Amino acid sequence: MLPKSGMTKMIKKAQELQSQMEKAQAELNSIEIEGQAGGGMVTVTVNGHKELVALTIDPEILTEDKEMIEDMILAAVNQGLQNAGKVAEEKMNSITGGMMGKIKFPGM
């Protein structure tokens, strides 16, 4: 059994970690990460929560084959989501000291 002062310290540490996690979650809303395809002909912007917030298509490619445009959009979105996942993981690992790789939280 832990002494009372040890338990108090543990609770305080847990509260600090929770506060830092909440701050990081808020920061993930403001982070914007790009994904591109077709040499920048299709660009997407994704936030740190892996939500698509913008899609830009160069008007020049609109005369191209529909399937090719769809493929470029998918490639850009997937790249943006992967980049956002890496940024979010790095952010959370910086707070938890790498423990996030071992613990999976919904939405992170």
C-alpha atoms as a PDB file:
ATOM      1  CA  MET A   1       0.000   0.000   0.000  1.00  0.00           C
ATOM      2  CA  LEU A   2       1.244   3.490  -0.853  1.00  0.00           C
ATOM      3  CA  PRO A   3       1.748   6.078   1.859  1.00  0.00           C
ATOM      4  CA  LYS A   4      -0.768   8.934   1.796  1.00  0.00           C
ATOM      5  CA  SER A   5       1.806  11.389   0.390  1.00  0.00           C
ATOM      6  CA  GLY A   6       2.646   8.917  -2.388  1.00  0.00           C
ATOM      7  CA  MET A   7      -0.999   8.590  -3.364  1.00  0.00           C
ATOM      8  CA  THR A   8      -1.393  12.377  -3.359  1.00  0.00           C
ATOM      9  CA  LYS A   9       1.623  12.731  -5.644  1.00  0.00           C
ATOM     10  CA  MET A  10       0.251  10.069  -7.974  1.00  0.00           C
ATOM     11  CA  ILE A  11      -3.132  11.796  -8.175  1.00  0.00           C
ATOM     12  CA  LYS A  12      -1.456  15.152  -8.812  1.00  0.00           C
ATOM     13  CA  LYS A  13       0.654  13.623 -11.617  1.00  0.00           C
ATOM     14  CA  ALA A  14      -2.453  12.079 -13.190  1.00  0.00           C
ATOM     15  CA  GLN A  15      -4.244  15.441 -13.079  1.00  0.00           C
ATOM     16  CA  GLU A  16      -1.243  17.153 -14.699  1.00  0.00           C
ATOM     17  CA  LEU A  17      -1.154  14.534 -17.439  1.00  0.00           C
ATOM     18  CA  GLN A  18      -4.886  14.930 -18.036  1.00  0.00           C
ATOM     19  CA  SER A  19      -4.470  18.706 -18.299  1.00  0.00           C
ATOM     20  CA  GLN A  20      -1.613  18.306 -20.769  1.00  0.00           C
ATOM     21  CA  MET A  21      -3.634  15.819 -22.837  1.00  0.00           C
ATOM     22  CA  GLU A  22      -6.593  18.227 -22.999  1.00  0.00           C
ATOM     23  CA  LYS A  23      -4.264  21.023 -24.103  1.00  0.00           C
ATOM     24  CA  ALA A  24      -2.749  18.780 -26.790  1.00  0.00           C
ATOM     25  CA  GLN A  25      -6.214  17.808 -28.037  1.00  0.00           C
ATOM     26  CA  ALA A  26      -7.105  21.493 -28.388  1.00  0.00           C
ATOM     27  CA  GLU A  27      -3.836  22.146 -30.240  1.00  0.00           C
ATOM     28  CA  LEU A  28      -4.616  19.323 -32.662  1.00  0.00           C
ATOM     29  CA  ASN A  29      -7.692  21.288 -33.784  1.00  0.00           C
ATOM     30  CA  SER A  30      -5.500  24.184 -34.904  1.00  0.00           C
ATOM     31  CA  ILE A  31      -2.793  22.110 -36.621  1.00  0.00           C
ATOM     32  CA  GLU A  32      -3.228  21.912 -40.389  1.00  0.00           C
ATOM     33  CA  ILE A  33      -1.401  19.323 -42.464  1.00  0.00           C
ATOM     34  CA  GLU A  34      -1.386  19.064 -46.259  1.00  0.00           C
ATOM     35  CA  GLY A  35      -1.494  16.150 -48.622  1.00  0.00           C
ATOM     36  CA  GLN A  36      -0.912  16.479 -52.358  1.00  0.00           C
ATOM     37  CA  ALA A  37      -1.200  14.467 -55.532  1.00  0.00           C
ATOM     38  CA  GLY A  38      -0.503  15.094 -59.188  1.00  0.00           C
ATOM     39  CA  GLY A  39       2.373  17.445 -58.461  1.00  0.00           C
ATOM     40  CA  GLY A  40       0.133  19.695 -56.397  1.00  0.00           C
ATOM     41  CA  MET A  41      -2.810  19.601 -58.803  1.00  0.00           C
ATOM     42  CA  VAL A  42      -4.904  18.250 -55.914  1.00  0.00           C
ATOM     43  CA  THR A  43      -4.218  19.518 -52.399  1.00  0.00           C
ATOM     44  CA  VAL A  44      -6.046  18.663 -49.208  1.00  0.00           C
ATOM     45  CA  THR A  45      -5.777  20.136 -45.738  1.00  0.00           C
ATOM     46  CA  VAL A  46      -6.393  17.927 -42.718  1.00  0.00           C
ATOM     47  CA  ASN A  47      -6.447  18.945 -39.057  1.00  0.00           C
ATOM     48  CA  GLY A  48      -4.721  17.106 -36.231  1.00  0.00           C
ATOM     49  CA  HIS A  49      -7.869  15.078 -35.569  1.00  0.00           C
ATOM     50  CA  LYS A  50      -7.652  13.623 -39.093  1.00  0.00           C
ATOM     51  CA  GLU A  51     -10.618  15.628 -40.348  1.00  0.00           C
ATOM     52  CA  LEU A  52     -10.569  16.949 -43.904  1.00  0.00           C
ATOM     53  CA  VAL A  53     -10.926  20.740 -43.714  1.00  0.00           C
ATOM     54  CA  ALA A  54     -10.111  21.833 -47.287  1.00  0.00           C
ATOM     55  CA  LEU A  55      -9.816  20.422 -50.798  1.00  0.00           C
ATOM     56  CA  THR A  56      -8.283  22.344 -53.692  1.00  0.00           C
ATOM     57  CA  ILE A  57      -8.367  21.100 -57.282  1.00  0.00           C
ATOM     58  CA  ASP A  58      -6.444  22.898 -60.013  1.00  0.00           C
ATOM     59  CA  PRO A  59      -9.009  23.772 -62.722  1.00  0.00           C
ATOM     60  CA  GLU A  60      -6.613  22.524 -65.415  1.00  0.00           C
ATOM     61  CA  ILE A  61      -7.186  18.882 -64.431  1.00  0.00           C
ATOM     62  CA  LEU A  62     -10.965  19.132 -64.664  1.00  0.00           C
ATOM     63  CA  THR A  63     -10.692  18.301 -68.353  1.00  0.00           C
ATOM     64  CA  GLU A  64      -8.918  15.044 -67.501  1.00  0.00           C
ATOM     65  CA  ASP A  65     -10.436  11.605 -67.134  1.00  0.00           C
ATOM     66  CA  LYS A  66     -12.863  11.391 -64.184  1.00  0.00           C
ATOM     67  CA  GLU A  67     -11.203   8.247 -62.779  1.00  0.00           C
ATOM     68  CA  MET A  68      -7.776   9.896 -62.827  1.00  0.00           C
ATOM     69  CA  ILE A  69      -9.118  12.898 -60.900  1.00  0.00           C
ATOM     70  CA  GLU A  70     -10.772  10.587 -58.373  1.00  0.00           C
ATOM     71  CA  ASP A  71      -7.492   8.689 -57.938  1.00  0.00           C
ATOM     72  CA  MET A  72      -5.599  11.942 -57.339  1.00  0.00           C
ATOM     73  CA  ILE A  73      -8.157  13.059 -54.754  1.00  0.00           C
ATOM     74  CA  LEU A  74      -7.915   9.723 -52.942  1.00  0.00           C
ATOM     75  CA  ALA A  75      -4.110   9.837 -53.003  1.00  0.00           C
ATOM     76  CA  ALA A  76      -4.027  13.398 -51.647  1.00  0.00           C
ATOM     77  CA  VAL A  77      -6.554  12.620 -48.889  1.00  0.00           C
ATOM     78  CA  ASN A  78      -4.717   9.456 -47.858  1.00  0.00           C
ATOM     79  CA  GLN A  79      -1.398  11.308 -47.756  1.00  0.00           C
ATOM     80  CA  GLY A  80      -2.944  14.104 -45.678  1.00  0.00           C
ATOM     81  CA  LEU A  81      -4.483  11.622 -43.229  1.00  0.00           C
ATOM     82  CA  GLN A  82      -1.194   9.738 -42.860  1.00  0.00           C
ATOM     83  CA  ASN A  83       0.691  12.985 -42.256  1.00  0.00           C
ATOM     84  CA  ALA A  84      -1.917  14.093 -39.711  1.00  0.00           C
ATOM     85  CA  GLY A  85      -1.661  10.755 -37.919  1.00  0.00           C
ATOM     86  CA  LYS A  86       2.110  11.122 -37.627  1.00  0.00           C
ATOM     87  CA  VAL A  87       1.843  14.687 -36.308  1.00  0.00           C
ATOM     88  CA  ALA A  88      -0.842  13.722 -33.774  1.00  0.00           C
ATOM     89  CA  GLU A  89       1.178  10.727 -32.580  1.00  0.00           C
ATOM     90  CA  GLU A  90       4.320  12.842 -32.189  1.00  0.00           C
ATOM     91  CA  LYS A  91       2.365  15.464 -30.258  1.00  0.00           C
ATOM     92  CA  MET A  92       0.833  12.963 -27.866  1.00  0.00           C
ATOM     93  CA  ASN A  93       4.128  11.066 -27.434  1.00  0.00           C
ATOM     94  CA  SER A  94       5.875  14.295 -26.481  1.00  0.00           C
ATOM     95  CA  ILE A  95       3.410  14.641 -23.606  1.00  0.00           C
ATOM     96  CA  THR A  96       3.279  11.030 -22.470  1.00  0.00           C
ATOM     97  CA  GLY A  97       6.931  10.193 -22.955  1.00  0.00           C
ATOM     98  CA  GLY A  98       6.176   7.647 -25.663  1.00  0.00           C
ATOM     99  CA  MET A  99       3.491   5.784 -23.743  1.00  0.00           C
ATOM    100  CA  MET A 100       0.894   6.571 -26.422  1.00  0.00           C
ATOM    101  CA  GLY A 101       2.369   3.861 -28.634  1.00  0.00           C
ATOM    102  CA  LYS A 102       1.395   1.316 -25.995  1.00  0.00           C
ATOM    103  CA  ILE A 103      -2.016   2.724 -25.069  1.00  0.00           C
ATOM    104  CA  LYS A 104      -4.753   3.317 -27.648  1.00  0.00           C
ATOM    105  CA  PHE A 105      -7.304   6.023 -26.907  1.00  0.00           C
ATOM    106  CA  PRO A 106     -10.382   6.506 -29.106  1.00  0.00           C
ATOM    107  CA  GLY A 107     -10.063   9.462 -31.457  1.00  0.00           C
ATOM    108  CA  MET A 108      -6.282   9.782 -31.223  1.00  0.00           C
END
